Amino acid sequence: AEADTAREELALALEDRRALELRHDAIFTKLEDA
């Protein structure tokens, strides 16, 4: 059960990281254009 919970938390963390990378990419693009 602890392993399943850890896997779920890891999946959420990976999704948050991908979303953060997308936001960073958008910010970098705007900064490069500016």
Full PDB file with SEQRES, HELIX, SHEET, SSBOND, CRYST1, ORIGX, SCALE, CONECT and MASTER records, all heavy atoms in Angstrom:
SEQRES   1 A   34  ALA GLU ALA ASP THR ALA ARG GLU GLU LEU ALA LEU ALA          
SEQRES   2 A   34  LEU GLU ASP ARG ARG ALA LEU GLU LEU ARG HIS ASP ALA          
SEQRES   3 A   34  ILE PHE THR LYS LEU GLU ASP ALA                              
HELIX    1 AA1 GLU A    2  ASP A   33  1                                  32    
CRYST1    1.000    1.000    1.000  90.00  90.00  90.00 P 1           1          
ORIGX1      1.000000  0.000000  0.000000        0.00000                         
ORIGX2      0.000000  1.000000  0.000000        0.00000                         
ORIGX3      0.000000  0.000000  1.000000        0.00000                         
SCALE1      1.000000  0.000000  0.000000        0.00000                         
SCALE2      0.000000  1.000000  0.000000        0.00000                         
SCALE3      0.000000  0.000000  1.000000        0.00000                         
ATOM      1  N   ALA A   1       0.832  -1.210   0.000  1.00  0.00           N  
ATOM      2  CA  ALA A   1       0.000   0.000   0.000  1.00  0.00           C  
ATOM      3  C   ALA A   1       0.866   1.258   0.000  1.00  0.00           C  
ATOM      4  O   ALA A   1       0.588   2.239  -0.713  1.00  0.00           O  
ATOM      5  CB  ALA A   1      -0.928  -0.010   1.218  1.00  0.00           C  
ATOM      6  N   GLU A   2       1.940   1.236   0.806  1.00  0.00           N  
ATOM      7  CA  GLU A   2       2.834   2.383   0.825  1.00  0.00           C  
ATOM      8  C   GLU A   2       3.513   2.579  -0.526  1.00  0.00           C  
ATOM      9  O   GLU A   2       3.701   3.719  -0.987  1.00  0.00           O  
ATOM     10  CB  GLU A   2       3.891   2.198   1.921  1.00  0.00           C  
ATOM     11  CG  GLU A   2       3.328   2.271   3.341  1.00  0.00           C  
ATOM     12  CD  GLU A   2       4.409   2.017   4.394  1.00  0.00           C  
ATOM     13  OE1 GLU A   2       5.543   1.685   3.975  1.00  0.00           O  
ATOM     14  OE2 GLU A   2       4.124   2.174   5.591  1.00  0.00           O  
ATOM     15  N   ALA A   3       3.870   1.464  -1.181  1.00  0.00           N  
ATOM     16  CA  ALA A   3       4.493   1.564  -2.498  1.00  0.00           C  
ATOM     17  C   ALA A   3       3.520   2.147  -3.526  1.00  0.00           C  
ATOM     18  O   ALA A   3       3.897   2.984  -4.359  1.00  0.00           O  
ATOM     19  CB  ALA A   3       4.991   0.204  -2.960  1.00  0.00           C  
ATOM     20  N   ASP A   4       2.238   1.710  -3.483  1.00  0.00           N  
ATOM     21  CA  ASP A   4       1.238   2.265  -4.401  1.00  0.00           C  
ATOM     22  C   ASP A   4       1.066   3.762  -4.177  1.00  0.00           C  
ATOM     23  O   ASP A   4       0.967   4.555  -5.130  1.00  0.00           O  
ATOM     24  CB  ASP A   4      -0.099   1.538  -4.220  1.00  0.00           C  
ATOM     25  CG  ASP A   4      -0.022   0.079  -4.674  1.00  0.00           C  
ATOM     26  OD1 ASP A   4       0.883  -0.230  -5.496  1.00  0.00           O  
ATOM     27  OD2 ASP A   4      -0.850  -0.734  -4.219  1.00  0.00           O  
ATOM     28  N   THR A   5       0.980   4.147  -2.880  1.00  0.00           N  
ATOM     29  CA  THR A   5       0.847   5.580  -2.574  1.00  0.00           C  
ATOM     30  C   THR A   5       2.041   6.374  -3.085  1.00  0.00           C  
ATOM     31  O   THR A   5       1.902   7.480  -3.642  1.00  0.00           O  
ATOM     32  CB  THR A   5       0.697   5.779  -1.050  1.00  0.00           C  
ATOM     33  OG1 THR A   5      -0.424   5.023  -0.580  1.00  0.00           O  
ATOM     34  CG2 THR A   5       0.514   7.245  -0.719  1.00  0.00           C  
ATOM     35  N   ALA A   6       3.250   5.793  -2.881  1.00  0.00           N  
ATOM     36  CA  ALA A   6       4.454   6.481  -3.356  1.00  0.00           C  
ATOM     37  C   ALA A   6       4.447   6.615  -4.874  1.00  0.00           C  
ATOM     38  O   ALA A   6       4.847   7.647  -5.424  1.00  0.00           O  
ATOM     39  CB  ALA A   6       5.697   5.727  -2.890  1.00  0.00           C  
ATOM     40  N   ARG A   7       3.977   5.559  -5.587  1.00  0.00           N  
ATOM     41  CA  ARG A   7       3.917   5.636  -7.050  1.00  0.00           C  
ATOM     42  C   ARG A   7       2.941   6.727  -7.491  1.00  0.00           C  
ATOM     43  O   ARG A   7       3.186   7.460  -8.450  1.00  0.00           O  
ATOM     44  CB  ARG A   7       3.501   4.278  -7.623  1.00  0.00           C  
ATOM     45  CG  ARG A   7       4.561   3.193  -7.504  1.00  0.00           C  
ATOM     46  CD  ARG A   7       4.189   1.982  -8.334  1.00  0.00           C  
ATOM     47  NE  ARG A   7       5.144   0.883  -8.145  1.00  0.00           N  
ATOM     48  CZ  ARG A   7       5.011  -0.086  -7.260  1.00  0.00           C  
ATOM     49  NH1 ARG A   7       3.924  -0.130  -6.466  1.00  0.00           N  
ATOM     50  NH2 ARG A   7       5.937  -1.036  -7.158  1.00  0.00           N  
ATOM     51  N   GLU A   8       1.776   6.814  -6.808  1.00  0.00           N  
ATOM     52  CA  GLU A   8       0.806   7.858  -7.157  1.00  0.00           C  
ATOM     53  C   GLU A   8       1.395   9.249  -6.929  1.00  0.00           C  
ATOM     54  O   GLU A   8       1.239  10.162  -7.759  1.00  0.00           O  
ATOM     55  CB  GLU A   8      -0.468   7.666  -6.333  1.00  0.00           C  
ATOM     56  CG  GLU A   8      -1.246   6.398  -6.693  1.00  0.00           C  
ATOM     57  CD  GLU A   8      -2.455   6.202  -5.787  1.00  0.00           C  
ATOM     58  OE1 GLU A   8      -2.620   7.028  -4.860  1.00  0.00           O  
ATOM     59  OE2 GLU A   8      -3.219   5.245  -6.018  1.00  0.00           O  
ATOM     60  N   GLU A   9       2.079   9.419  -5.780  1.00  0.00           N  
ATOM     61  CA  GLU A   9       2.682  10.718  -5.499  1.00  0.00           C  
ATOM     62  C   GLU A   9       3.765  11.046  -6.531  1.00  0.00           C  
ATOM     63  O   GLU A   9       3.917  12.202  -6.960  1.00  0.00           O  
ATOM     64  CB  GLU A   9       3.280  10.732  -4.096  1.00  0.00           C  
ATOM     65  CG  GLU A   9       2.227  10.677  -2.986  1.00  0.00           C  
ATOM     66  CD  GLU A   9       2.858  10.674  -1.597  1.00  0.00           C  
ATOM     67  OE1 GLU A   9       4.113  10.645  -1.542  1.00  0.00           O  
ATOM     68  OE2 GLU A   9       2.123  10.733  -0.601  1.00  0.00           O  
ATOM     69  N   LEU A  10       4.526  10.003  -6.939  1.00  0.00           N  
ATOM     70  CA  LEU A  10       5.558  10.232  -7.950  1.00  0.00           C  
ATOM     71  C   LEU A  10       4.939  10.631  -9.287  1.00  0.00           C  
ATOM     72  O   LEU A  10       5.444  11.534  -9.984  1.00  0.00           O  
ATOM     73  CB  LEU A  10       6.398   8.963  -8.116  1.00  0.00           C  
ATOM     74  CG  LEU A  10       7.508   9.034  -9.177  1.00  0.00           C  
ATOM     75  CD1 LEU A  10       8.496  10.147  -8.850  1.00  0.00           C  
ATOM     76  CD2 LEU A  10       8.219   7.686  -9.299  1.00  0.00           C  
ATOM     77  N   ALA A  11       3.830   9.979  -9.656  1.00  0.00           N  
ATOM     78  CA  ALA A  11       3.156  10.330 -10.910  1.00  0.00           C  
ATOM     79  C   ALA A  11       2.653  11.777 -10.868  1.00  0.00           C  
ATOM     80  O   ALA A  11       2.790  12.532 -11.842  1.00  0.00           O  
ATOM     81  CB  ALA A  11       1.996   9.362 -11.166  1.00  0.00           C  
ATOM     82  N   LEU A  12       2.069  12.174  -9.707  1.00  0.00           N  
ATOM     83  CA  LEU A  12       1.610  13.562  -9.575  1.00  0.00           C  
ATOM     84  C   LEU A  12       2.779  14.537  -9.653  1.00  0.00           C  
ATOM     85  O   LEU A  12       2.675  15.608 -10.277  1.00  0.00           O  
ATOM     86  CB  LEU A  12       0.859  13.736  -8.249  1.00  0.00           C  
ATOM     87  CG  LEU A  12      -0.483  12.991  -8.122  1.00  0.00           C  
ATOM     88  CD1 LEU A  12      -1.048  13.145  -6.715  1.00  0.00           C  
ATOM     89  CD2 LEU A  12      -1.482  13.508  -9.155  1.00  0.00           C  
ATOM     90  N   ALA A  13       3.889  14.162  -9.001  1.00  0.00           N  
ATOM     91  CA  ALA A  13       5.064  15.040  -9.039  1.00  0.00           C  
ATOM     92  C   ALA A  13       5.598  15.177 -10.464  1.00  0.00           C  
ATOM     93  O   ALA A  13       6.002  16.268 -10.891  1.00  0.00           O  
ATOM     94  CB  ALA A  13       6.151  14.497  -8.110  1.00  0.00           C  
ATOM     95  N   LEU A  14       5.589  14.059 -11.229  1.00  0.00           N  
ATOM     96  CA  LEU A  14       6.055  14.118 -12.612  1.00  0.00           C  
ATOM     97  C   LEU A  14       5.128  14.985 -13.465  1.00  0.00           C  
ATOM     98  O   LEU A  14       5.594  15.743 -14.333  1.00  0.00           O  
ATOM     99  CB  LEU A  14       6.154  12.703 -13.194  1.00  0.00           C  
ATOM    100  CG  LEU A  14       7.254  11.821 -12.591  1.00  0.00           C  
ATOM    101  CD1 LEU A  14       7.179  10.421 -13.182  1.00  0.00           C  
ATOM    102  CD2 LEU A  14       8.639  12.430 -12.846  1.00  0.00           C  
ATOM    103  N   GLU A  15       3.806  14.886 -13.231  1.00  0.00           N  
ATOM    104  CA  GLU A  15       2.863  15.734 -13.964  1.00  0.00           C  
ATOM    105  C   GLU A  15       3.086  17.206 -13.631  1.00  0.00           C  
ATOM    106  O   GLU A  15       3.064  18.074 -14.516  1.00  0.00           O  
ATOM    107  CB  GLU A  15       1.429  15.320 -13.637  1.00  0.00           C  
ATOM    108  CG  GLU A  15       1.041  13.959 -14.204  1.00  0.00           C  
ATOM    109  CD  GLU A  15      -0.387  13.582 -13.836  1.00  0.00           C  
ATOM    110  OE1 GLU A  15      -1.039  14.388 -13.142  1.00  0.00           O  
ATOM    111  OE2 GLU A  15      -0.844  12.502 -14.244  1.00  0.00           O  
ATOM    112  N   ASP A  16       3.278  17.473 -12.304  1.00  0.00           N  
ATOM    113  CA  ASP A  16       3.557  18.869 -11.922  1.00  0.00           C  
ATOM    114  C   ASP A  16       4.842  19.368 -12.570  1.00  0.00           C  
ATOM    115  O   ASP A  16       4.928  20.531 -13.001  1.00  0.00           O  
ATOM    116  CB  ASP A  16       3.670  18.984 -10.397  1.00  0.00           C  
ATOM    117  CG  ASP A  16       2.342  18.729  -9.698  1.00  0.00           C  
ATOM    118  OD1 ASP A  16       1.303  18.865 -10.370  1.00  0.00           O  
ATOM    119  OD2 ASP A  16       2.349  18.397  -8.497  1.00  0.00           O  
ATOM    120  N   ARG A  17       5.828  18.486 -12.646  1.00  0.00           N  
ATOM    121  CA  ARG A  17       7.093  18.897 -13.265  1.00  0.00           C  
ATOM    122  C   ARG A  17       6.910  19.184 -14.748  1.00  0.00           C  
ATOM    123  O   ARG A  17       7.442  20.177 -15.270  1.00  0.00           O  
ATOM    124  CB  ARG A  17       8.134  17.793 -13.068  1.00  0.00           C  
ATOM    125  CG  ARG A  17       9.486  18.142 -13.691  1.00  0.00           C  
ATOM    126  CD  ARG A  17      10.482  17.027 -13.516  1.00  0.00           C  
ATOM    127  NE  ARG A  17      11.739  17.345 -14.163  1.00  0.00           N  
ATOM    128  CZ  ARG A  17      12.790  16.547 -14.183  1.00  0.00           C  
ATOM    129  NH1 ARG A  17      12.715  15.352 -13.587  1.00  0.00           N  
ATOM    130  NH2 ARG A  17      13.906  16.912 -14.796  1.00  0.00           N  
ATOM    131  N   ARG A  18       6.132  18.335 -15.439  1.00  0.00           N  
ATOM    132  CA  ARG A  18       5.896  18.596 -16.859  1.00  0.00           C  
ATOM    133  C   ARG A  18       5.142  19.901 -17.058  1.00  0.00           C  
ATOM    134  O   ARG A  18       5.446  20.675 -17.975  1.00  0.00           O  
ATOM    135  CB  ARG A  18       5.120  17.419 -17.476  1.00  0.00           C  
ATOM    136  CG  ARG A  18       5.985  16.174 -17.725  1.00  0.00           C  
ATOM    137  CD  ARG A  18       5.259  15.188 -18.607  1.00  0.00           C  
ATOM    138  NE  ARG A  18       4.098  14.618 -17.930  1.00  0.00           N  
ATOM    139  CZ  ARG A  18       4.122  13.524 -17.190  1.00  0.00           C  
ATOM    140  NH1 ARG A  18       5.265  12.863 -17.023  1.00  0.00           N  
ATOM    141  NH2 ARG A  18       3.033  13.059 -16.604  1.00  0.00           N  
ATOM    142  N   ALA A  19       4.130  20.156 -16.212  1.00  0.00           N  
ATOM    143  CA  ALA A  19       3.394  21.417 -16.319  1.00  0.00           C  
ATOM    144  C   ALA A  19       4.312  22.605 -16.054  1.00  0.00           C  
ATOM    145  O   ALA A  19       4.240  23.645 -16.735  1.00  0.00           O  
ATOM    146  CB  ALA A  19       2.216  21.419 -15.339  1.00  0.00           C  
ATOM    147  N   LEU A  20       5.189  22.462 -15.047  1.00  0.00           N  
ATOM    148  CA  LEU A  20       6.123  23.542 -14.736  1.00  0.00           C  
ATOM    149  C   LEU A  20       7.098  23.773 -15.893  1.00  0.00           C  
ATOM    150  O   LEU A  20       7.428  24.921 -16.217  1.00  0.00           O  
ATOM    151  CB  LEU A  20       6.889  23.198 -13.454  1.00  0.00           C  
ATOM    152  CG  LEU A  20       7.832  24.280 -12.911  1.00  0.00           C  
ATOM    153  CD1 LEU A  20       7.055  25.552 -12.588  1.00  0.00           C  
ATOM    154  CD2 LEU A  20       8.549  23.765 -11.662  1.00  0.00           C  
ATOM    155  N   GLU A  21       7.549  22.668 -16.532  1.00  0.00           N  
ATOM    156  CA  GLU A  21       8.436  22.826 -17.674  1.00  0.00           C  
ATOM    157  C   GLU A  21       7.737  23.540 -18.821  1.00  0.00           C  
ATOM    158  O   GLU A  21       8.351  24.363 -19.514  1.00  0.00           O  
ATOM    159  CB  GLU A  21       8.940  21.458 -18.124  1.00  0.00           C  
ATOM    160  CG  GLU A  21       9.934  20.813 -17.146  1.00  0.00           C  
ATOM    161  CD  GLU A  21      10.324  19.414 -17.581  1.00  0.00           C  
ATOM    162  OE1 GLU A  21       9.672  18.899 -18.518  1.00  0.00           O  
ATOM    163  OE2 GLU A  21      11.267  18.844 -16.985  1.00  0.00           O  
ATOM    164  N   LEU A  22       6.447  23.235 -19.027  1.00  0.00           N  
ATOM    165  CA  LEU A  22       5.695  23.943 -20.077  1.00  0.00           C  
ATOM    166  C   LEU A  22       5.583  25.426 -19.760  1.00  0.00           C  
ATOM    167  O   LEU A  22       5.721  26.283 -20.649  1.00  0.00           O  
ATOM    168  CB  LEU A  22       4.303  23.313 -20.230  1.00  0.00           C  
ATOM    169  CG  LEU A  22       4.265  21.891 -20.804  1.00  0.00           C  
ATOM    170  CD1 LEU A  22       2.832  21.360 -20.800  1.00  0.00           C  
ATOM    171  CD2 LEU A  22       4.832  21.871 -22.226  1.00  0.00           C  
ATOM    172  N   ARG A  23       5.302  25.739 -18.473  1.00  0.00           N  
ATOM    173  CA  ARG A  23       5.229  27.157 -18.095  1.00  0.00           C  
ATOM    174  C   ARG A  23       6.580  27.838 -18.272  1.00  0.00           C  
ATOM    175  O   ARG A  23       6.659  28.973 -18.751  1.00  0.00           O  
ATOM    176  CB  ARG A  23       4.742  27.286 -16.644  1.00  0.00           C  
ATOM    177  CG  ARG A  23       3.268  26.932 -16.451  1.00  0.00           C  
ATOM    178  CD  ARG A  23       2.757  27.431 -15.115  1.00  0.00           C  
ATOM    179  NE  ARG A  23       3.435  26.789 -13.990  1.00  0.00           N  
ATOM    180  CZ  ARG A  23       3.016  25.678 -13.412  1.00  0.00           C  
ATOM    181  NH1 ARG A  23       1.918  25.065 -13.857  1.00  0.00           N  
ATOM    182  NH2 ARG A  23       3.667  25.161 -12.394  1.00  0.00           N  
ATOM    183  N   HIS A  24       7.652  27.132 -17.898  1.00  0.00           N  
ATOM    184  CA  HIS A  24       8.992  27.703 -18.082  1.00  0.00           C  
ATOM    185  C   HIS A  24       9.277  27.942 -19.563  1.00  0.00           C  
ATOM    186  O   HIS A  24       9.861  28.970 -19.931  1.00  0.00           O  
ATOM    187  CB  HIS A  24      10.045  26.767 -17.496  1.00  0.00           C  
ATOM    188  CG  HIS A  24      10.152  26.882 -16.006  1.00  0.00           C  
ATOM    189  ND1 HIS A  24      11.130  26.250 -15.272  1.00  0.00           N  
ATOM    190  CD2 HIS A  24       9.396  27.550 -15.119  1.00  0.00           C  
ATOM    191  CE1 HIS A  24      10.984  26.532 -13.992  1.00  0.00           C  
ATOM    192  NE2 HIS A  24       9.928  27.305 -13.880  1.00  0.00           N  
ATOM    193  N   ASP A  25       8.867  26.995 -20.408  1.00  0.00           N  
ATOM    194  CA  ASP A  25       9.102  27.153 -21.838  1.00  0.00           C  
ATOM    195  C   ASP A  25       8.366  28.382 -22.368  1.00  0.00           C  
ATOM    196  O   ASP A  25       8.915  29.146 -23.164  1.00  0.00           O  
ATOM    197  CB  ASP A  25       8.645  25.888 -22.575  1.00  0.00           C  
ATOM    198  CG  ASP A  25       8.926  25.975 -24.067  1.00  0.00           C  
ATOM    199  OD1 ASP A  25      10.096  25.926 -24.457  1.00  0.00           O  
ATOM    200  OD2 ASP A  25       7.951  26.101 -24.829  1.00  0.00           O  
ATOM    201  N   ALA A  26       7.112  28.586 -21.933  1.00  0.00           N  
ATOM    202  CA  ALA A  26       6.354  29.772 -22.365  1.00  0.00           C  
ATOM    203  C   ALA A  26       7.019  31.058 -21.878  1.00  0.00           C  
ATOM    204  O   ALA A  26       7.115  32.046 -22.615  1.00  0.00           O  
ATOM    205  CB  ALA A  26       4.914  29.683 -21.858  1.00  0.00           C  
ATOM    206  N   ILE A  27       7.492  31.031 -20.618  1.00  0.00           N  
ATOM    207  CA  ILE A  27       8.154  32.224 -20.077  1.00  0.00           C  
ATOM    208  C   ILE A  27       9.450  32.507 -20.825  1.00  0.00           C  
ATOM    209  O   ILE A  27       9.752  33.655 -21.180  1.00  0.00           O  
ATOM    210  CB  ILE A  27       8.413  32.041 -18.564  1.00  0.00           C  
ATOM    211  CG1 ILE A  27       7.075  32.019 -17.800  1.00  0.00           C  
ATOM    212  CG2 ILE A  27       9.299  33.166 -18.029  1.00  0.00           C  
ATOM    213  CD1 ILE A  27       7.231  31.681 -16.342  1.00  0.00           C  
ATOM    214  N   PHE A  28      10.232  31.446 -21.090  1.00  0.00           N  
ATOM    215  CA  PHE A  28      11.477  31.643 -21.826  1.00  0.00           C  
ATOM    216  C   PHE A  28      11.204  32.208 -23.220  1.00  0.00           C  
ATOM    217  O   PHE A  28      11.940  33.075 -23.712  1.00  0.00           O  
ATOM    218  CB  PHE A  28      12.230  30.320 -21.945  1.00  0.00           C  
ATOM    219  CG  PHE A  28      12.943  29.917 -20.683  1.00  0.00           C  
ATOM    220  CD1 PHE A  28      13.135  28.581 -20.364  1.00  0.00           C  
ATOM    221  CD2 PHE A  28      13.418  30.872 -19.802  1.00  0.00           C  
ATOM    222  CE1 PHE A  28      13.792  28.207 -19.205  1.00  0.00           C  
ATOM    223  CE2 PHE A  28      14.074  30.516 -18.646  1.00  0.00           C  
ATOM    224  CZ  PHE A  28      14.253  29.178 -18.337  1.00  0.00           C  
ATOM    225  N   THR A  29      10.144  31.703 -23.872  1.00  0.00           N  
ATOM    226  CA  THR A  29       9.810  32.202 -25.210  1.00  0.00           C  
ATOM    227  C   THR A  29       9.483  33.685 -25.175  1.00  0.00           C  
ATOM    228  O   THR A  29       9.934  34.470 -26.016  1.00  0.00           O  
ATOM    229  CB  THR A  29       8.626  31.406 -25.785  1.00  0.00           C  
ATOM    230  OG1 THR A  29       8.971  30.007 -25.851  1.00  0.00           O  
ATOM    231  CG2 THR A  29       8.282  31.900 -27.185  1.00  0.00           C  
ATOM    232  N   LYS A  30       8.662  34.089 -24.169  1.00  0.00           N  
ATOM    233  CA  LYS A  30       8.313  35.512 -24.054  1.00  0.00           C  
ATOM    234  C   LYS A  30       9.550  36.358 -23.768  1.00  0.00           C  
ATOM    235  O   LYS A  30       9.718  37.452 -24.317  1.00  0.00           O  
ATOM    236  CB  LYS A  30       7.276  35.704 -22.951  1.00  0.00           C  
ATOM    237  CG  LYS A  30       5.905  35.126 -23.285  1.00  0.00           C  
ATOM    238  CD  LYS A  30       4.901  35.394 -22.167  1.00  0.00           C  
ATOM    239  CE  LYS A  30       3.527  34.841 -22.516  1.00  0.00           C  
ATOM    240  NZ  LYS A  30       2.539  35.074 -21.432  1.00  0.00           N  
ATOM    241  N   LEU A  31      10.427  35.846 -22.898  1.00  0.00           N  
ATOM    242  CA  LEU A  31      11.638  36.606 -22.581  1.00  0.00           C  
ATOM    243  C   LEU A  31      12.547  36.730 -23.803  1.00  0.00           C  
ATOM    244  O   LEU A  31      13.120  37.796 -24.056  1.00  0.00           O  
ATOM    245  CB  LEU A  31      12.390  35.920 -21.435  1.00  0.00           C  
ATOM    246  CG  LEU A  31      11.755  36.021 -20.046  1.00  0.00           C  
ATOM    247  CD1 LEU A  31      12.563  35.223 -19.039  1.00  0.00           C  
ATOM    248  CD2 LEU A  31      11.657  37.473 -19.603  1.00  0.00           C  
ATOM    249  N   GLU A  32      12.671  35.631 -24.568  1.00  0.00           N  
ATOM    250  CA  GLU A  32      13.500  35.690 -25.771  1.00  0.00           C  
ATOM    251  C   GLU A  32      12.943  36.696 -26.762  1.00  0.00           C  
ATOM    252  O   GLU A  32      13.692  37.473 -27.367  1.00  0.00           O  
ATOM    253  CB  GLU A  32      13.583  34.303 -26.405  1.00  0.00           C  
ATOM    254  CG  GLU A  32      14.420  33.310 -25.579  1.00  0.00           C  
ATOM    255  CD  GLU A  32      14.261  31.874 -26.050  1.00  0.00           C  
ATOM    256  OE1 GLU A  32      13.361  31.620 -26.893  1.00  0.00           O  
ATOM    257  OE2 GLU A  32      15.012  31.004 -25.590  1.00  0.00           O  
ATOM    258  N   ASP A  33      11.597  36.705 -26.942  1.00  0.00           N  
ATOM    259  CA  ASP A  33      10.985  37.676 -27.859  1.00  0.00           C  
ATOM    260  C   ASP A  33      11.203  39.099 -27.359  1.00  0.00           C  
ATOM    261  O   ASP A  33      11.505  40.013 -28.144  1.00  0.00           O  
ATOM    262  CB  ASP A  33       9.491  37.393 -28.006  1.00  0.00           C  
ATOM    263  CG  ASP A  33       9.236  36.058 -28.701  1.00  0.00           C  
ATOM    264  OD1 ASP A  33      10.160  35.566 -29.386  1.00  0.00           O  
ATOM    265  OD2 ASP A  33       8.126  35.521 -28.555  1.00  0.00           O  
ATOM    266  N   ALA A  34      11.031  39.307 -26.046  1.00  0.00           N  
ATOM    267  CA  ALA A  34      11.201  40.650 -25.486  1.00  0.00           C  
ATOM    268  C   ALA A  34      12.632  41.150 -25.654  1.00  0.00           C  
ATOM    269  O   ALA A  34      12.867  42.306 -26.015  1.00  0.00           O  
ATOM    270  CB  ALA A  34      10.809  40.654 -24.004  1.00  0.00           C  
TER     271      ALA A  34                                                      
MASTER        0    0    0    1    0    0    0    6  270    1    0    3          
END                                                                             
